[in-house]
C-alpha cells in the first residue's frame, strides 16, 4: 500500500512549498510536539461534532499526530498544522489526506472552536 498513490517521498522532498504563509497564519507539517495543541482540539465536542468517530482520548490524539506525520512523509501531502503567526499557537489543521484504503484525496480541516 505504500506506493498505491505514487512513489513515497524521501524526507527531504516532502516539504516543498511549506510553510504556507498568510498575513495571519502559518500552515506547516505537523510535528510530534504539536500533540498537546491537538489534544485541545481533538478532545473538544464542538470541534469534533461532524468528524466520524468524534472526540479522541489522549492515546487517540497521539496516534493521529503520528499518522499525520507519517502521511506527510510518505506522500508529501497531509493535514498540516495551522498556527497563528503572531503567537505560534496551533489553532487547527487543514490539508489533503488519502482516505484509508483508497486513492481518493479528502480535503479536510479541524479548528479550535474559537477560530
N, C-alpha and C. Protein backbone atom coordinates (compact mmCIF):
# COMPACT_ATOMS: atom_id res chain seq x y z
N UNK A 1 0.81 -1.20 0.00
CA UNK A 1 0.00 0.00 0.00
C UNK A 1 0.85 1.26 0.00
N UNK A 2 2.12 1.17 0.36
CA UNK A 2 2.97 2.34 0.41
C UNK A 2 3.05 3.10 -0.91
N UNK A 3 2.91 2.41 -2.01
CA UNK A 3 3.08 3.06 -3.31
C UNK A 3 1.78 3.14 -4.10
N UNK A 4 0.64 2.85 -3.49
CA UNK A 4 -0.64 2.91 -4.20
C UNK A 4 -0.90 4.29 -4.79
N UNK A 5 -0.38 5.35 -4.18
CA UNK A 5 -0.69 6.71 -4.59
C UNK A 5 0.50 7.39 -5.24
N UNK A 6 1.48 6.63 -5.66
CA UNK A 6 2.70 7.20 -6.22
C UNK A 6 3.87 6.81 -5.36
N UNK A 7 5.04 7.23 -5.76
CA UNK A 7 6.22 6.82 -5.00
C UNK A 7 6.27 7.54 -3.67
N UNK A 8 6.69 6.85 -2.60
CA UNK A 8 6.89 7.54 -1.33
C UNK A 8 7.98 8.61 -1.49
N UNK A 9 7.83 9.71 -0.80
CA UNK A 9 8.80 10.78 -0.91
C UNK A 9 9.89 10.65 0.14
N UNK A 10 11.16 10.82 -0.25
CA UNK A 10 12.20 10.90 0.77
C UNK A 10 11.93 12.09 1.67
N UNK A 11 12.39 12.01 2.91
CA UNK A 11 12.07 13.05 3.89
C UNK A 11 12.45 14.45 3.42
N UNK A 12 13.53 14.59 2.67
CA UNK A 12 13.95 15.92 2.26
C UNK A 12 13.16 16.49 1.08
N UNK A 13 12.29 15.70 0.46
CA UNK A 13 11.48 16.19 -0.66
C UNK A 13 10.07 16.55 -0.24
N UNK A 14 9.64 16.19 0.95
CA UNK A 14 8.24 16.29 1.32
C UNK A 14 7.78 17.62 1.84
N UNK A 15 8.62 18.66 1.84
CA UNK A 15 8.19 19.93 2.39
C UNK A 15 8.15 21.04 1.35
N UNK A 16 8.19 20.70 0.07
CA UNK A 16 8.16 21.71 -0.98
C UNK A 16 6.98 22.66 -0.81
N UNK A 17 7.28 23.94 -0.78
CA UNK A 17 6.22 24.94 -0.68
C UNK A 17 5.75 25.22 0.73
N UNK A 18 6.25 24.50 1.71
CA UNK A 18 5.80 24.72 3.09
C UNK A 18 6.94 25.36 3.88
N UNK A 19 6.62 26.23 4.82
CA UNK A 19 5.26 26.57 5.23
C UNK A 19 4.58 27.50 4.25
N UNK A 20 3.24 27.42 4.26
CA UNK A 20 2.41 28.38 3.54
C UNK A 20 2.13 29.51 4.51
N UNK A 21 2.25 30.74 4.03
CA UNK A 21 2.06 31.89 4.91
C UNK A 21 0.95 32.78 4.38
N UNK A 22 0.12 33.24 5.29
CA UNK A 22 -0.84 34.30 5.02
C UNK A 22 -0.49 35.43 5.97
N UNK A 23 -1.11 36.58 5.87
CA UNK A 23 -0.81 37.64 6.83
C UNK A 23 -1.03 37.19 8.29
N UNK A 24 -1.95 36.27 8.51
CA UNK A 24 -2.31 35.85 9.87
C UNK A 24 -1.83 34.45 10.25
N UNK A 25 -1.68 33.54 9.27
CA UNK A 25 -1.47 32.13 9.58
C UNK A 25 -0.20 31.56 8.95
N UNK A 26 0.32 30.51 9.59
CA UNK A 26 1.40 29.69 9.04
C UNK A 26 0.85 28.27 8.96
N UNK A 27 0.93 27.64 7.80
CA UNK A 27 0.49 26.26 7.61
C UNK A 27 1.76 25.45 7.33
N UNK A 28 1.99 24.44 8.19
CA UNK A 28 3.24 23.70 8.14
C UNK A 28 2.99 22.24 8.50
N UNK A 29 3.96 21.36 8.20
CA UNK A 29 3.79 19.96 8.58
C UNK A 29 3.63 19.82 10.10
N UNK A 30 2.86 18.84 10.49
CA UNK A 30 2.67 18.51 11.91
C UNK A 30 3.97 17.90 12.44
N UNK A 31 4.31 18.24 13.68
CA UNK A 31 5.45 17.64 14.37
C UNK A 31 4.95 17.04 15.68
N UNK A 32 5.72 16.12 16.24
CA UNK A 32 5.30 15.40 17.44
C UNK A 32 4.96 16.34 18.60
N UNK A 33 5.66 17.45 18.71
CA UNK A 33 5.41 18.38 19.82
C UNK A 33 4.07 19.13 19.68
N UNK A 34 3.36 18.94 18.57
CA UNK A 34 2.03 19.54 18.41
C UNK A 34 0.95 18.76 19.16
N UNK A 35 1.29 17.61 19.72
CA UNK A 35 0.30 16.74 20.36
C UNK A 35 -0.57 17.49 21.37
N UNK A 36 0.01 18.26 22.24
CA UNK A 36 -0.79 18.95 23.28
C UNK A 36 -1.79 19.92 22.65
N UNK A 37 -1.38 20.64 21.64
CA UNK A 37 -2.30 21.57 20.98
C UNK A 37 -3.44 20.81 20.34
N UNK A 38 -3.14 19.67 19.72
CA UNK A 38 -4.19 18.88 19.08
C UNK A 38 -5.10 18.19 20.10
N UNK A 39 -4.58 17.92 21.30
CA UNK A 39 -5.46 17.38 22.35
C UNK A 39 -6.61 18.35 22.61
N UNK A 40 -6.29 19.63 22.69
CA UNK A 40 -7.32 20.63 22.96
C UNK A 40 -8.37 20.67 21.86
N UNK A 41 -7.98 20.38 20.64
CA UNK A 41 -8.92 20.40 19.51
C UNK A 41 -9.64 19.08 19.36
N UNK A 42 -8.89 17.98 19.29
CA UNK A 42 -9.47 16.66 19.03
C UNK A 42 -10.27 16.12 20.21
N UNK A 43 -10.14 16.73 21.38
CA UNK A 43 -10.93 16.31 22.54
C UNK A 43 -12.10 17.26 22.81
N UNK A 44 -12.32 18.20 21.93
CA UNK A 44 -13.39 19.18 22.09
C UNK A 44 -14.64 18.71 21.33
N UNK A 45 -15.75 18.58 22.04
CA UNK A 45 -17.00 18.09 21.43
C UNK A 45 -17.46 18.98 20.27
N UNK A 46 -17.34 20.28 20.42
CA UNK A 46 -17.78 21.19 19.37
C UNK A 46 -16.91 21.08 18.13
N UNK A 47 -15.59 21.05 18.32
CA UNK A 47 -14.66 20.97 17.19
C UNK A 47 -14.83 19.66 16.42
N UNK A 48 -15.22 18.60 17.12
CA UNK A 48 -15.26 17.27 16.51
C UNK A 48 -16.67 16.79 16.18
N UNK A 49 -17.65 17.65 16.28
CA UNK A 49 -19.04 17.20 16.16
C UNK A 49 -19.39 16.61 14.79
N UNK A 50 -18.70 17.00 13.73
CA UNK A 50 -19.01 16.46 12.40
C UNK A 50 -17.96 15.46 11.92
N UNK A 51 -17.04 15.09 12.79
CA UNK A 51 -15.94 14.20 12.42
C UNK A 51 -16.31 12.76 12.78
N UNK A 52 -16.24 11.84 11.82
CA UNK A 52 -16.53 10.43 12.13
C UNK A 52 -15.65 9.95 13.29
N UNK A 53 -16.28 9.31 14.25
CA UNK A 53 -15.55 8.83 15.42
C UNK A 53 -15.53 9.83 16.56
N UNK A 54 -15.82 11.09 16.29
CA UNK A 54 -15.92 12.10 17.34
C UNK A 54 -14.61 12.37 18.06
N UNK A 55 -14.73 12.74 19.33
CA UNK A 55 -13.56 13.13 20.12
C UNK A 55 -12.62 11.94 20.31
N UNK A 56 -11.36 12.26 20.55
CA UNK A 56 -10.32 11.25 20.76
C UNK A 56 -9.77 11.37 22.17
N UNK A 57 -9.41 10.23 22.76
CA UNK A 57 -8.72 10.28 24.05
C UNK A 57 -7.25 10.60 23.79
N UNK A 58 -6.45 10.72 24.86
CA UNK A 58 -5.05 11.12 24.71
C UNK A 58 -4.28 10.17 23.80
N UNK A 59 -4.52 8.86 23.93
CA UNK A 59 -3.84 7.88 23.08
C UNK A 59 -4.27 8.04 21.63
N UNK A 60 -5.54 8.34 21.41
CA UNK A 60 -6.04 8.56 20.05
C UNK A 60 -5.44 9.79 19.41
N UNK A 61 -5.24 10.85 20.21
CA UNK A 61 -4.61 12.07 19.68
C UNK A 61 -3.16 11.77 19.31
N UNK A 62 -2.46 11.07 20.19
CA UNK A 62 -1.06 10.73 19.91
C UNK A 62 -0.96 9.89 18.63
N UNK A 63 -1.87 8.94 18.46
CA UNK A 63 -1.89 8.11 17.27
C UNK A 63 -2.17 8.96 16.03
N UNK A 64 -3.12 9.87 16.13
CA UNK A 64 -3.49 10.70 14.98
C UNK A 64 -2.33 11.60 14.57
N UNK A 65 -1.64 12.18 15.52
CA UNK A 65 -0.49 13.03 15.21
C UNK A 65 0.58 12.21 14.49
N UNK A 66 0.84 11.00 14.97
CA UNK A 66 1.82 10.12 14.31
C UNK A 66 1.37 9.78 12.89
N UNK A 67 0.07 9.54 12.69
CA UNK A 67 -0.46 9.24 11.36
C UNK A 67 -0.27 10.42 10.41
N UNK A 68 -0.51 11.64 10.89
CA UNK A 68 -0.36 12.82 10.04
C UNK A 68 1.09 13.02 9.64
N UNK A 69 2.00 12.82 10.58
CA UNK A 69 3.43 12.95 10.29
C UNK A 69 3.84 11.90 9.25
N UNK A 70 3.39 10.67 9.44
CA UNK A 70 3.74 9.59 8.52
C UNK A 70 3.13 9.82 7.14
N UNK A 71 1.89 10.29 7.08
CA UNK A 71 1.24 10.55 5.80
C UNK A 71 2.02 11.59 5.02
N UNK A 72 2.44 12.65 5.68
CA UNK A 72 3.22 13.69 5.01
C UNK A 72 4.56 13.12 4.51
N UNK A 73 5.21 12.33 5.35
CA UNK A 73 6.50 11.74 4.97
C UNK A 73 6.35 10.83 3.75
N UNK A 74 5.28 10.05 3.73
CA UNK A 74 5.10 9.08 2.65
C UNK A 74 4.61 9.69 1.35
N UNK A 75 3.70 10.66 1.42
CA UNK A 75 3.02 11.14 0.22
C UNK A 75 3.26 12.60 -0.11
N UNK A 76 3.87 13.35 0.80
CA UNK A 76 4.12 14.77 0.53
C UNK A 76 2.91 15.66 0.73
N UNK A 77 1.78 15.08 1.09
CA UNK A 77 0.57 15.82 1.45
C UNK A 77 0.06 15.25 2.76
N UNK A 78 -0.69 16.05 3.47
CA UNK A 78 -1.28 15.60 4.73
C UNK A 78 -2.20 16.71 5.22
N UNK A 79 -2.78 16.49 6.37
CA UNK A 79 -3.40 17.60 7.08
C UNK A 79 -2.26 18.24 7.86
N UNK A 80 -2.07 19.54 7.67
CA UNK A 80 -0.95 20.26 8.25
C UNK A 80 -1.41 21.13 9.41
N UNK A 81 -0.50 21.43 10.29
CA UNK A 81 -0.78 22.31 11.42
C UNK A 81 -1.03 23.73 10.91
N UNK A 82 -2.03 24.38 11.49
CA UNK A 82 -2.32 25.78 11.20
C UNK A 82 -2.05 26.55 12.50
N UNK A 83 -1.15 27.50 12.41
CA UNK A 83 -0.80 28.26 13.61
C UNK A 83 -0.89 29.75 13.35
N UNK A 84 -1.15 30.49 14.42
CA UNK A 84 -1.15 31.95 14.33
C UNK A 84 0.29 32.42 14.22
N UNK A 85 0.57 33.28 13.27
CA UNK A 85 1.94 33.75 13.09
C UNK A 85 2.41 34.60 14.26
N UNK A 86 1.50 35.33 14.87
CA UNK A 86 1.92 36.23 15.95
C UNK A 86 2.31 35.50 17.21
N UNK A 87 1.74 34.33 17.47
CA UNK A 87 2.00 33.62 18.73
C UNK A 87 2.54 32.21 18.54
N UNK A 88 2.50 31.68 17.32
CA UNK A 88 2.84 30.28 17.00
C UNK A 88 1.89 29.28 17.65
N UNK A 89 0.73 29.74 18.12
CA UNK A 89 -0.27 28.85 18.69
C UNK A 89 -0.92 28.02 17.57
N UNK A 90 -0.94 26.70 17.76
CA UNK A 90 -1.62 25.82 16.80
C UNK A 90 -3.11 25.91 17.07
N UNK A 91 -3.87 26.32 16.05
CA UNK A 91 -5.32 26.51 16.21
C UNK A 91 -6.13 25.47 15.43
N UNK A 92 -5.43 24.61 14.67
CA UNK A 92 -6.15 23.60 13.93
C UNK A 92 -5.26 22.91 12.92
N UNK A 93 -5.91 22.18 12.03
CA UNK A 93 -5.20 21.55 10.92
C UNK A 93 -6.05 21.66 9.66
N UNK A 94 -5.38 21.55 8.52
CA UNK A 94 -6.10 21.53 7.24
C UNK A 94 -5.19 20.90 6.20
N UNK A 95 -5.78 20.38 5.16
CA UNK A 95 -4.98 19.83 4.08
C UNK A 95 -5.62 18.66 3.40
N UNK A 96 -4.79 17.92 2.68
CA UNK A 96 -5.23 16.78 1.88
C UNK A 96 -4.73 15.49 2.50
N UNK A 97 -5.60 14.48 2.48
CA UNK A 97 -5.21 13.18 3.00
C UNK A 97 -5.96 12.11 2.22
N UNK A 98 -5.24 11.01 1.92
CA UNK A 98 -5.90 9.89 1.26
C UNK A 98 -6.85 9.22 2.24
N UNK A 99 -8.06 8.94 1.80
CA UNK A 99 -8.99 8.18 2.63
C UNK A 99 -8.44 6.77 2.77
N UNK A 100 -8.56 6.16 3.94
CA UNK A 100 -7.96 4.85 4.18
C UNK A 100 -8.37 3.82 3.13
N UNK A 101 -7.35 3.14 2.58
CA UNK A 101 -7.59 2.06 1.64
C UNK A 101 -8.05 2.48 0.26
N UNK A 102 -7.94 3.78 -0.06
CA UNK A 102 -8.40 4.26 -1.37
C UNK A 102 -7.35 5.15 -2.01
N UNK A 103 -7.62 5.56 -3.22
CA UNK A 103 -6.79 6.56 -3.90
C UNK A 103 -7.52 7.90 -3.95
N UNK A 104 -8.52 8.06 -3.09
CA UNK A 104 -9.32 9.28 -3.04
C UNK A 104 -8.72 10.25 -2.03
N UNK A 105 -8.42 11.46 -2.50
CA UNK A 105 -7.93 12.50 -1.60
C UNK A 105 -9.11 13.24 -0.98
N UNK A 106 -9.00 13.50 0.31
CA UNK A 106 -10.01 14.27 1.04
C UNK A 106 -9.39 15.60 1.43
N UNK A 107 -10.13 16.67 1.26
CA UNK A 107 -9.74 17.98 1.77
C UNK A 107 -10.47 18.13 3.09
N UNK A 108 -9.73 18.32 4.16
CA UNK A 108 -10.37 18.38 5.46
C UNK A 108 -9.70 19.38 6.39
N UNK A 109 -10.37 19.63 7.50
CA UNK A 109 -9.84 20.57 8.49
C UNK A 109 -10.48 20.31 9.84
N UNK A 110 -9.79 20.72 10.87
CA UNK A 110 -10.30 20.77 12.25
C UNK A 110 -9.77 22.09 12.82
N UNK A 111 -10.62 22.83 13.49
CA UNK A 111 -10.18 24.06 14.14
C UNK A 111 -10.75 24.15 15.54
N UNK A 112 -9.99 24.76 16.43
CA UNK A 112 -10.49 25.04 17.77
C UNK A 112 -11.73 25.93 17.61
N UNK A 113 -12.75 25.74 18.45
CA UNK A 113 -14.00 26.50 18.30
C UNK A 113 -13.82 28.01 18.28
N UNK A 114 -12.81 28.54 18.93
CA UNK A 114 -12.60 29.99 18.96
C UNK A 114 -12.23 30.54 17.58
N UNK A 115 -11.86 29.64 16.66
CA UNK A 115 -11.40 30.08 15.33
C UNK A 115 -12.33 29.60 14.24
